[in-house]
Amino acid sequence: MEALLKGEVKITGGLGLINNVIIDTHFVQRGRIGRLLYACASNPINLGIGLGEDTGLVITNGQTMEAIGSGLIILVDGTHMRHTNLTDVEMGEPVSIENLIVHVMAIGDNFDLRTKKLTIAPAK
């Protein structure tokens, strides 16, 4: 809950494996949705990726991601964000965000990084 207060989330450079993404691990079990929402609101060009436990992504040609493992992946797309009060509120104050897009991926689902389109795998 504190992650949606201005100044509570700090972001630094990552490993440089893929551009324009923010990756958070142990995501579902540790309830890290708030900090990923905040990170995407403050860096809307980036796609937020929350990896659940025992879950991963296979990224092909830096363009297509496929979910693997037994858990879930949460994607947060800030490119269509309409408004946030992030620059207007004081440190420690709650942040409002309008129009972040959230996708939930499960095993076999694919996401195109170019078009930002999720394709859900057919049920087995």
N, C-alpha and C. Protein backbone atom coordinates (compact mmCIF):
# COMPACT_ATOMS: atom_id res chain seq x y z
N MET A 1 0.82 -1.19 0.00
CA MET A 1 0.00 0.00 0.00
C MET A 1 0.86 1.26 0.00
N GLU A 2 1.99 1.23 0.74
CA GLU A 2 2.85 2.39 0.80
C GLU A 2 3.50 2.70 -0.54
N ALA A 3 3.53 1.75 -1.47
CA ALA A 3 4.17 1.97 -2.77
C ALA A 3 3.45 3.04 -3.58
N LEU A 4 2.20 3.30 -3.30
CA LEU A 4 1.47 4.32 -4.05
C LEU A 4 1.52 5.68 -3.36
N LEU A 5 2.54 5.87 -2.53
CA LEU A 5 2.82 7.18 -1.95
C LEU A 5 4.05 7.74 -2.66
N LYS A 6 4.02 9.00 -3.01
CA LYS A 6 5.13 9.61 -3.74
C LYS A 6 6.44 9.43 -2.98
N GLY A 7 7.44 8.93 -3.69
CA GLY A 7 8.77 8.77 -3.13
C GLY A 7 9.06 7.41 -2.53
N GLU A 8 8.06 6.54 -2.42
CA GLU A 8 8.26 5.24 -1.79
C GLU A 8 8.95 4.22 -2.71
N VAL A 9 8.89 4.42 -4.01
CA VAL A 9 9.49 3.48 -4.95
C VAL A 9 10.71 4.14 -5.58
N LYS A 10 11.85 3.45 -5.50
CA LYS A 10 13.09 3.93 -6.11
C LYS A 10 13.43 3.02 -7.28
N ILE A 11 13.79 3.62 -8.41
CA ILE A 11 14.12 2.85 -9.60
C ILE A 11 15.55 3.17 -10.02
N THR A 12 16.29 2.13 -10.36
CA THR A 12 17.65 2.31 -10.88
C THR A 12 17.77 1.53 -12.17
N GLY A 13 18.92 1.66 -12.83
CA GLY A 13 19.18 0.90 -14.05
C GLY A 13 19.20 -0.59 -13.76
N GLY A 14 18.80 -1.37 -14.75
CA GLY A 14 18.76 -2.81 -14.58
C GLY A 14 19.94 -3.48 -15.25
N LEU A 15 19.72 -4.69 -15.69
CA LEU A 15 20.77 -5.48 -16.31
C LEU A 15 20.96 -5.16 -17.79
N GLY A 16 20.02 -4.44 -18.39
CA GLY A 16 20.15 -4.08 -19.80
C GLY A 16 19.88 -5.22 -20.77
N LEU A 17 19.14 -6.23 -20.32
CA LEU A 17 18.83 -7.38 -21.19
C LEU A 17 17.76 -7.05 -22.22
N ILE A 18 16.85 -6.16 -21.87
CA ILE A 18 15.77 -5.77 -22.76
C ILE A 18 15.42 -4.31 -22.46
N ASN A 19 15.17 -3.54 -23.50
CA ASN A 19 14.88 -2.12 -23.34
C ASN A 19 13.42 -1.85 -23.01
N ASN A 20 13.19 -0.76 -22.30
CA ASN A 20 11.85 -0.23 -22.02
C ASN A 20 10.94 -1.18 -21.25
N VAL A 21 11.51 -1.93 -20.33
CA VAL A 21 10.71 -2.74 -19.42
C VAL A 21 11.20 -2.56 -17.98
N ILE A 22 10.28 -2.74 -17.07
CA ILE A 22 10.58 -2.77 -15.63
C ILE A 22 10.14 -4.15 -15.16
N ILE A 23 11.06 -4.91 -14.59
CA ILE A 23 10.74 -6.28 -14.16
C ILE A 23 10.82 -6.37 -12.65
N ASP A 24 9.78 -6.97 -12.07
CA ASP A 24 9.73 -7.21 -10.63
C ASP A 24 9.45 -8.70 -10.43
N THR A 25 10.18 -9.33 -9.52
CA THR A 25 10.03 -10.77 -9.29
C THR A 25 9.32 -11.04 -7.97
N HIS A 26 8.96 -12.31 -7.75
CA HIS A 26 8.20 -12.72 -6.56
C HIS A 26 6.98 -11.81 -6.40
N PHE A 27 6.38 -11.53 -7.51
CA PHE A 27 5.41 -10.45 -7.62
C PHE A 27 4.08 -10.73 -6.95
N VAL A 28 3.46 -11.84 -7.28
CA VAL A 28 2.11 -12.13 -6.80
C VAL A 28 2.13 -12.43 -5.30
N GLN A 29 3.02 -13.31 -4.87
CA GLN A 29 3.06 -13.74 -3.48
C GLN A 29 3.35 -12.57 -2.53
N ARG A 30 4.18 -11.64 -2.96
CA ARG A 30 4.57 -10.53 -2.08
C ARG A 30 3.74 -9.27 -2.29
N GLY A 31 2.70 -9.35 -3.11
CA GLY A 31 1.77 -8.23 -3.28
C GLY A 31 2.43 -6.96 -3.78
N ARG A 32 3.19 -7.05 -4.84
CA ARG A 32 3.97 -5.91 -5.32
C ARG A 32 3.29 -5.11 -6.43
N ILE A 33 2.00 -5.24 -6.59
CA ILE A 33 1.31 -4.52 -7.66
C ILE A 33 1.42 -3.01 -7.48
N GLY A 34 1.33 -2.52 -6.27
CA GLY A 34 1.39 -1.08 -6.03
C GLY A 34 2.69 -0.47 -6.52
N ARG A 35 3.79 -1.12 -6.24
CA ARG A 35 5.06 -0.53 -6.67
C ARG A 35 5.25 -0.61 -8.17
N LEU A 36 4.69 -1.62 -8.84
CA LEU A 36 4.79 -1.68 -10.30
C LEU A 36 3.90 -0.62 -10.94
N LEU A 37 2.71 -0.39 -10.38
CA LEU A 37 1.85 0.68 -10.87
C LEU A 37 2.55 2.03 -10.75
N TYR A 38 3.16 2.28 -9.61
CA TYR A 38 3.88 3.53 -9.38
C TYR A 38 5.05 3.66 -10.36
N ALA A 39 5.82 2.60 -10.54
CA ALA A 39 6.97 2.63 -11.44
C ALA A 39 6.54 2.95 -12.87
N CYS A 40 5.43 2.36 -13.31
CA CYS A 40 4.95 2.62 -14.67
C CYS A 40 4.35 4.01 -14.82
N ALA A 41 3.72 4.51 -13.77
CA ALA A 41 3.19 5.88 -13.83
C ALA A 41 4.32 6.90 -13.91
N SER A 42 5.43 6.62 -13.24
CA SER A 42 6.54 7.57 -13.27
C SER A 42 7.46 7.36 -14.47
N ASN A 43 7.29 6.25 -15.18
CA ASN A 43 8.07 5.94 -16.38
C ASN A 43 7.15 5.31 -17.43
N PRO A 44 6.17 6.05 -17.96
CA PRO A 44 5.12 5.45 -18.79
C PRO A 44 5.59 4.87 -20.12
N ILE A 45 6.80 5.17 -20.54
CA ILE A 45 7.30 4.57 -21.78
C ILE A 45 7.63 3.08 -21.58
N ASN A 46 7.82 2.68 -20.32
CA ASN A 46 8.22 1.31 -20.00
C ASN A 46 7.01 0.41 -19.75
N LEU A 47 7.18 -0.86 -20.09
CA LEU A 47 6.20 -1.89 -19.78
C LEU A 47 6.59 -2.52 -18.45
N GLY A 48 5.67 -2.55 -17.51
CA GLY A 48 5.93 -3.20 -16.24
C GLY A 48 5.62 -4.68 -16.32
N ILE A 49 6.55 -5.51 -15.83
CA ILE A 49 6.37 -6.96 -15.84
C ILE A 49 6.54 -7.46 -14.41
N GLY A 50 5.48 -8.07 -13.88
CA GLY A 50 5.52 -8.66 -12.56
C GLY A 50 5.50 -10.17 -12.69
N LEU A 51 6.62 -10.81 -12.37
CA LEU A 51 6.74 -12.27 -12.50
C LEU A 51 6.31 -12.95 -11.21
N GLY A 52 5.34 -13.84 -11.32
CA GLY A 52 4.93 -14.64 -10.18
C GLY A 52 5.96 -15.72 -9.89
N GLU A 53 5.79 -16.41 -8.78
CA GLU A 53 6.68 -17.47 -8.39
C GLU A 53 6.60 -18.62 -9.40
N ASP A 54 7.72 -19.26 -9.66
CA ASP A 54 7.79 -20.40 -10.59
C ASP A 54 7.26 -20.04 -11.97
N THR A 55 7.54 -18.81 -12.39
CA THR A 55 7.03 -18.31 -13.66
C THR A 55 8.12 -17.51 -14.36
N GLY A 56 8.12 -17.55 -15.69
CA GLY A 56 9.09 -16.80 -16.46
C GLY A 56 8.55 -16.43 -17.81
N LEU A 57 9.40 -15.76 -18.58
CA LEU A 57 9.06 -15.35 -19.94
C LEU A 57 10.16 -15.81 -20.87
N VAL A 58 9.75 -16.33 -22.02
CA VAL A 58 10.69 -16.58 -23.10
C VAL A 58 10.49 -15.43 -24.09
N ILE A 59 11.55 -14.66 -24.31
CA ILE A 59 11.46 -13.50 -25.20
C ILE A 59 12.19 -13.83 -26.48
N THR A 60 11.47 -13.76 -27.61
CA THR A 60 12.01 -14.11 -28.91
C THR A 60 12.25 -12.84 -29.73
N ASN A 61 13.46 -12.69 -30.21
CA ASN A 61 13.85 -11.54 -31.04
C ASN A 61 13.53 -10.19 -30.40
N GLY A 62 13.48 -10.15 -29.09
CA GLY A 62 13.18 -8.90 -28.39
C GLY A 62 11.80 -8.36 -28.68
N GLN A 63 10.90 -9.20 -29.23
CA GLN A 63 9.60 -8.71 -29.65
C GLN A 63 8.41 -9.48 -29.09
N THR A 64 8.54 -10.78 -28.93
CA THR A 64 7.42 -11.59 -28.48
C THR A 64 7.78 -12.28 -27.17
N MET A 65 6.87 -12.21 -26.20
CA MET A 65 7.08 -12.87 -24.92
C MET A 65 6.05 -13.99 -24.75
N GLU A 66 6.53 -15.14 -24.29
CA GLU A 66 5.63 -16.25 -23.98
C GLU A 66 5.78 -16.61 -22.52
N ALA A 67 4.63 -16.76 -21.82
CA ALA A 67 4.64 -17.12 -20.41
C ALA A 67 4.93 -18.60 -20.25
N ILE A 68 5.85 -18.91 -19.33
CA ILE A 68 6.16 -20.30 -19.00
C ILE A 68 6.09 -20.47 -17.48
N GLY A 69 5.94 -21.71 -17.04
CA GLY A 69 5.87 -21.99 -15.61
C GLY A 69 4.44 -22.18 -15.15
N SER A 70 4.29 -22.21 -13.84
CA SER A 70 2.97 -22.53 -13.28
C SER A 70 2.23 -21.34 -12.69
N GLY A 71 2.84 -20.17 -12.68
CA GLY A 71 2.19 -19.01 -12.05
C GLY A 71 1.67 -18.00 -13.05
N LEU A 72 1.53 -16.78 -12.59
CA LEU A 72 0.99 -15.70 -13.41
C LEU A 72 2.03 -14.61 -13.65
N ILE A 73 1.82 -13.85 -14.72
CA ILE A 73 2.62 -12.68 -15.02
C ILE A 73 1.66 -11.51 -15.17
N ILE A 74 1.95 -10.42 -14.47
CA ILE A 74 1.14 -9.22 -14.57
C ILE A 74 1.91 -8.22 -15.43
N LEU A 75 1.23 -7.66 -16.44
CA LEU A 75 1.83 -6.65 -17.30
C LEU A 75 1.12 -5.33 -17.06
N VAL A 76 1.88 -4.26 -16.92
CA VAL A 76 1.31 -2.92 -16.73
C VAL A 76 1.85 -2.04 -17.84
N ASP A 77 0.93 -1.52 -18.65
CA ASP A 77 1.27 -0.68 -19.80
C ASP A 77 0.85 0.75 -19.49
N GLY A 78 1.82 1.63 -19.37
CA GLY A 78 1.54 3.03 -19.05
C GLY A 78 1.48 3.93 -20.26
N THR A 79 1.64 3.38 -21.46
CA THR A 79 1.73 4.24 -22.65
C THR A 79 0.42 4.96 -22.96
N HIS A 80 -0.70 4.49 -22.43
CA HIS A 80 -1.98 5.16 -22.66
C HIS A 80 -2.47 5.91 -21.42
N MET A 81 -1.58 6.06 -20.43
CA MET A 81 -1.95 6.77 -19.22
C MET A 81 -2.38 8.19 -19.59
N ARG A 82 -3.52 8.61 -19.06
CA ARG A 82 -4.04 9.94 -19.38
C ARG A 82 -3.56 11.00 -18.41
N HIS A 83 -3.50 10.61 -17.13
CA HIS A 83 -3.16 11.62 -16.13
C HIS A 83 -2.67 10.97 -14.85
N THR A 84 -1.76 11.65 -14.18
CA THR A 84 -1.36 11.30 -12.82
C THR A 84 -1.04 12.59 -12.09
N ASN A 85 -1.20 12.57 -10.79
CA ASN A 85 -0.86 13.74 -9.99
C ASN A 85 0.55 13.62 -9.41
N LEU A 86 1.34 12.72 -9.92
CA LEU A 86 2.68 12.42 -9.39
C LEU A 86 3.56 13.66 -9.24
N THR A 87 3.51 14.55 -10.20
CA THR A 87 4.36 15.75 -10.12
C THR A 87 3.74 16.85 -9.26
N ASP A 88 2.47 16.70 -8.91
CA ASP A 88 1.77 17.76 -8.17
C ASP A 88 1.73 17.55 -6.66
N VAL A 89 1.82 16.29 -6.22
CA VAL A 89 1.68 16.01 -4.79
C VAL A 89 3.04 16.07 -4.09
N GLU A 90 3.00 16.26 -2.78
CA GLU A 90 4.21 16.30 -1.95
C GLU A 90 4.69 14.88 -1.67
N MET A 91 5.96 14.76 -1.29
CA MET A 91 6.52 13.46 -0.92
C MET A 91 5.68 12.84 0.20
N GLY A 92 5.41 11.55 0.07
CA GLY A 92 4.62 10.83 1.06
C GLY A 92 3.12 10.89 0.85
N GLU A 93 2.67 11.70 -0.10
CA GLU A 93 1.23 11.81 -0.38
C GLU A 93 0.80 10.74 -1.38
N PRO A 94 -0.48 10.33 -1.35
CA PRO A 94 -0.98 9.32 -2.30
C PRO A 94 -0.93 9.83 -3.74
N VAL A 95 -0.65 8.88 -4.64
CA VAL A 95 -0.57 9.18 -6.07
C VAL A 95 -1.80 8.63 -6.77
N SER A 96 -2.40 9.44 -7.63
CA SER A 96 -3.54 9.02 -8.45
C SER A 96 -3.04 8.76 -9.87
N ILE A 97 -3.62 7.76 -10.51
CA ILE A 97 -3.21 7.38 -11.87
C ILE A 97 -4.47 7.05 -12.66
N GLU A 98 -4.59 7.62 -13.85
CA GLU A 98 -5.73 7.32 -14.71
C GLU A 98 -5.28 6.56 -15.96
N ASN A 99 -5.93 5.44 -16.21
CA ASN A 99 -5.83 4.69 -17.46
C ASN A 99 -4.54 3.91 -17.67
N LEU A 100 -4.04 3.26 -16.63
CA LEU A 100 -2.99 2.27 -16.83
C LEU A 100 -3.68 1.00 -17.33
N ILE A 101 -3.06 0.31 -18.27
CA ILE A 101 -3.64 -0.93 -18.80
C ILE A 101 -2.94 -2.10 -18.12
N VAL A 102 -3.71 -3.04 -17.60
CA VAL A 102 -3.16 -4.21 -16.91
C VAL A 102 -3.60 -5.47 -17.64
N HIS A 103 -2.63 -6.35 -17.91
CA HIS A 103 -2.89 -7.66 -18.50
C HIS A 103 -2.42 -8.73 -17.52
N VAL A 104 -3.07 -9.88 -17.54
CA VAL A 104 -2.65 -11.02 -16.74
C VAL A 104 -2.36 -12.18 -17.70
N MET A 105 -1.12 -12.66 -17.65
CA MET A 105 -0.70 -13.76 -18.54
C MET A 105 -0.56 -15.05 -17.72
N ALA A 106 -0.93 -16.16 -18.35
CA ALA A 106 -0.73 -17.49 -17.79
C ALA A 106 0.07 -18.31 -18.80
N ILE A 107 0.41 -19.51 -18.44
CA ILE A 107 1.25 -20.37 -19.27
C ILE A 107 0.72 -20.45 -20.71
N GLY A 108 1.62 -20.25 -21.65
CA GLY A 108 1.28 -20.35 -23.06
C GLY A 108 0.79 -19.06 -23.70
N ASP A 109 0.41 -18.07 -22.89
CA ASP A 109 -0.03 -16.79 -23.44
C ASP A 109 1.17 -16.06 -24.05
N ASN A 110 0.90 -15.23 -25.06
CA ASN A 110 1.94 -14.45 -25.74
C ASN A 110 1.61 -12.98 -25.69
N PHE A 111 2.67 -12.17 -25.66
CA PHE A 111 2.50 -10.71 -25.67
C PHE A 111 3.49 -10.14 -26.68
N ASP A 112 2.97 -9.32 -27.59
CA ASP A 112 3.80 -8.68 -28.61
C ASP A 112 4.25 -7.32 -28.08
N LEU A 113 5.56 -7.15 -27.91
CA LEU A 113 6.09 -5.91 -27.35
C LEU A 113 5.94 -4.73 -28.30
N ARG A 114 5.86 -4.98 -29.59
CA ARG A 114 5.69 -3.88 -30.56
C ARG A 114 4.28 -3.34 -30.54
N THR A 115 3.30 -4.24 -30.61
CA THR A 115 1.89 -3.82 -30.71
C THR A 115 1.22 -3.73 -29.35
N LYS A 116 1.86 -4.26 -28.31
CA LYS A 116 1.32 -4.31 -26.95
C LYS A 116 0.01 -5.11 -26.90
N LYS A 117 -0.03 -6.19 -27.68
CA LYS A 117 -1.23 -7.03 -27.76
C LYS A 117 -0.98 -8.36 -27.06
N LEU A 118 -1.92 -8.75 -26.22
CA LEU A 118 -1.88 -10.04 -25.52
C LEU A 118 -2.69 -11.05 -26.32
N THR A 119 -2.12 -12.23 -26.52
CA THR A 119 -2.84 -13.33 -27.15
C THR A 119 -2.94 -14.44 -26.11
N ILE A 120 -4.15 -14.78 -25.73
CA ILE A 120 -4.38 -15.80 -24.72
C ILE A 120 -4.39 -17.16 -25.39
N ALA A 121 -3.62 -18.09 -24.82
CA ALA A 121 -3.52 -19.44 -25.36
C ALA A 121 -4.86 -20.16 -25.24
N PRO A 122 -5.21 -20.98 -26.25
CA PRO A 122 -6.46 -21.75 -26.14
C PRO A 122 -6.39 -22.74 -24.97
N ALA A 123 -7.53 -22.98 -24.36
CA ALA A 123 -7.60 -23.94 -23.25
C ALA A 123 -7.27 -25.33 -23.77
N LYS A 124 -6.62 -26.12 -22.92
CA LYS A 124 -6.27 -27.50 -23.29
C LYS A 124 -7.34 -28.46 -22.89
